[in-house]
């Protein structure tokens, strides 16, 4: 973040505490990273939503419980270039 000129203090961590809240917010599971409300990696069609553990497909095609760091970097860079 710092390398892109962003203040780490600008991160807002939100807790999704119920299935109703998850449904209302279109929450695809944890962890979810959003930049200005947009998910950095759209969930695959048919993936469950709600209070579930989320999986990501990394650039090297491995399945991971965390997004690829390059996807996070690219999402932040794209937001800054707008």
C-alpha atoms as a PDB file:
ATOM      1  CA  UNK A   1       0.000   0.000   0.000  1.00  0.00           C
ATOM      2  CA  UNK A   2       2.680   2.453   0.998  1.00  0.00           C
ATOM      3  CA  UNK A   3       4.524   1.884  -2.292  1.00  0.00           C
ATOM      4  CA  UNK A   4       1.363   3.066  -4.080  1.00  0.00           C
ATOM      5  CA  UNK A   5       1.067   6.155  -1.905  1.00  0.00           C
ATOM      6  CA  UNK A   6      -1.783   4.841   0.243  1.00  0.00           C
ATOM      7  CA  UNK A   7      -2.053   5.308   3.977  1.00  0.00           C
ATOM      8  CA  UNK A   8      -2.426   1.945   5.782  1.00  0.00           C
ATOM      9  CA  UNK A   9      -4.600   3.765   8.319  1.00  0.00           C
ATOM     10  CA  UNK A  10      -7.203   4.157   5.562  1.00  0.00           C
ATOM     11  CA  UNK A  11      -8.063   0.443   5.764  1.00  0.00           C
ATOM     12  CA  UNK A  12     -11.510  -0.186   7.209  1.00  0.00           C
ATOM     13  CA  UNK A  13     -12.031  -3.614   8.718  1.00  0.00           C
ATOM     14  CA  UNK A  14     -15.653  -4.691   8.957  1.00  0.00           C
ATOM     15  CA  UNK A  15     -17.169  -7.604  10.788  1.00  0.00           C
ATOM     16  CA  UNK A  16     -20.038  -9.447   9.152  1.00  0.00           C
ATOM     17  CA  UNK A  17     -21.820 -10.866  12.171  1.00  0.00           C
ATOM     18  CA  UNK A  18     -24.882 -12.656  10.798  1.00  0.00           C
ATOM     19  CA  UNK A  19     -26.181 -14.501   7.772  1.00  0.00           C
ATOM     20  CA  UNK A  20     -28.745 -11.726   7.294  1.00  0.00           C
ATOM     21  CA  UNK A  21     -26.005  -9.096   7.180  1.00  0.00           C
ATOM     22  CA  UNK A  22     -23.941 -11.279   4.828  1.00  0.00           C
ATOM     23  CA  UNK A  23     -26.903 -11.642   2.484  1.00  0.00           C
ATOM     24  CA  UNK A  24     -27.720  -7.923   2.593  1.00  0.00           C
ATOM     25  CA  UNK A  25     -24.144  -7.020   1.674  1.00  0.00           C
ATOM     26  CA  UNK A  26     -23.596  -9.761  -0.904  1.00  0.00           C
ATOM     27  CA  UNK A  27     -20.760 -11.095   1.248  1.00  0.00           C
ATOM     28  CA  UNK A  28     -18.990 -13.963  -0.541  1.00  0.00           C
ATOM     29  CA  UNK A  29     -17.131 -15.221   2.520  1.00  0.00           C
ATOM     30  CA  UNK A  30     -14.061 -14.460   4.544  1.00  0.00           C
ATOM     31  CA  UNK A  31     -11.628 -13.020   3.777  1.00  0.00           C
ATOM     32  CA  UNK A  32     -13.051 -10.490   1.334  1.00  0.00           C
ATOM     33  CA  UNK A  33     -11.079  -7.452   0.211  1.00  0.00           C
ATOM     34  CA  UNK A  34     -12.968  -4.582  -1.355  1.00  0.00           C
ATOM     35  CA  UNK A  35     -11.584  -1.367  -2.801  1.00  0.00           C
ATOM     36  CA  UNK A  36     -14.182   1.398  -2.719  1.00  0.00           C
ATOM     37  CA  UNK A  37     -16.850  -1.271  -2.310  1.00  0.00           C
ATOM     38  CA  UNK A  38     -15.722  -3.404  -5.265  1.00  0.00           C
ATOM     39  CA  UNK A  39     -14.463  -6.927  -4.645  1.00  0.00           C
ATOM     40  CA  UNK A  40     -10.891  -7.348  -5.904  1.00  0.00           C
ATOM     41  CA  UNK A  41     -11.705 -10.860  -7.152  1.00  0.00           C
ATOM     42  CA  UNK A  42     -15.238 -11.659  -8.211  1.00  0.00           C
ATOM     43  CA  UNK A  43     -16.358 -14.989  -6.761  1.00  0.00           C
ATOM     44  CA  UNK A  44     -16.804 -17.809  -9.234  1.00  0.00           C
ATOM     45  CA  UNK A  45     -20.332 -18.568 -10.389  1.00  0.00           C
ATOM     46  CA  UNK A  46     -22.069 -20.922  -7.986  1.00  0.00           C
ATOM     47  CA  UNK A  47     -19.772 -20.270  -5.032  1.00  0.00           C
ATOM     48  CA  UNK A  48     -21.636 -20.071  -1.724  1.00  0.00           C
ATOM     49  CA  UNK A  49     -22.222 -16.707  -0.085  1.00  0.00           C
ATOM     50  CA  UNK A  50     -22.612 -15.888   3.574  1.00  0.00           C
ATOM     51  CA  UNK A  51     -20.595 -16.726   6.653  1.00  0.00           C
ATOM     52  CA  UNK A  52     -18.324 -19.178   4.862  1.00  0.00           C
ATOM     53  CA  UNK A  53     -14.593 -19.563   4.340  1.00  0.00           C
ATOM     54  CA  UNK A  54     -13.709 -18.126   0.972  1.00  0.00           C
ATOM     55  CA  UNK A  55     -11.177 -19.596  -1.430  1.00  0.00           C
ATOM     56  CA  UNK A  56      -9.281 -17.819  -4.178  1.00  0.00           C
ATOM     57  CA  UNK A  57      -7.704 -19.060  -7.375  1.00  0.00           C
ATOM     58  CA  UNK A  58      -4.221 -17.597  -7.495  1.00  0.00           C
ATOM     59  CA  UNK A  59      -2.422 -16.597 -10.674  1.00  0.00           C
ATOM     60  CA  UNK A  60      -0.397 -19.809 -10.585  1.00  0.00           C
ATOM     61  CA  UNK A  61      -3.741 -21.701 -10.555  1.00  0.00           C
ATOM     62  CA  UNK A  62      -3.401 -22.854  -6.923  1.00  0.00           C
ATOM     63  CA  UNK A  63      -6.410 -22.634  -4.626  1.00  0.00           C
ATOM     64  CA  UNK A  64      -5.726 -20.483  -1.563  1.00  0.00           C
ATOM     65  CA  UNK A  65      -7.577 -19.065   1.458  1.00  0.00           C
ATOM     66  CA  UNK A  66      -6.041 -15.676   0.587  1.00  0.00           C
ATOM     67  CA  UNK A  67      -6.055 -13.675  -2.635  1.00  0.00           C
ATOM     68  CA  UNK A  68      -2.910 -13.466  -4.704  1.00  0.00           C
ATOM     69  CA  UNK A  69      -0.854 -10.497  -3.436  1.00  0.00           C
ATOM     70  CA  UNK A  70      -0.464  -9.336  -7.039  1.00  0.00           C
ATOM     71  CA  UNK A  71      -4.260  -9.140  -7.392  1.00  0.00           C
ATOM     72  CA  UNK A  72      -4.422  -6.941  -4.294  1.00  0.00           C
ATOM     73  CA  UNK A  73      -1.632  -4.724  -5.622  1.00  0.00           C
ATOM     74  CA  UNK A  74      -3.253  -4.431  -9.053  1.00  0.00           C
ATOM     75  CA  UNK A  75      -6.658  -3.547  -7.564  1.00  0.00           C
ATOM     76  CA  UNK A  76      -5.097  -0.764  -5.513  1.00  0.00           C
ATOM     77  CA  UNK A  77      -3.062   0.512  -8.464  1.00  0.00           C
ATOM     78  CA  UNK A  78      -6.159   0.519 -10.706  1.00  0.00           C
ATOM     79  CA  UNK A  79      -8.075   2.561  -8.134  1.00  0.00           C
ATOM     80  CA  UNK A  80      -5.257   5.096  -7.926  1.00  0.00           C
ATOM     81  CA  UNK A  81      -5.106   5.495 -11.700  1.00  0.00           C
ATOM     82  CA  UNK A  82      -8.799   6.488 -11.964  1.00  0.00           C
END
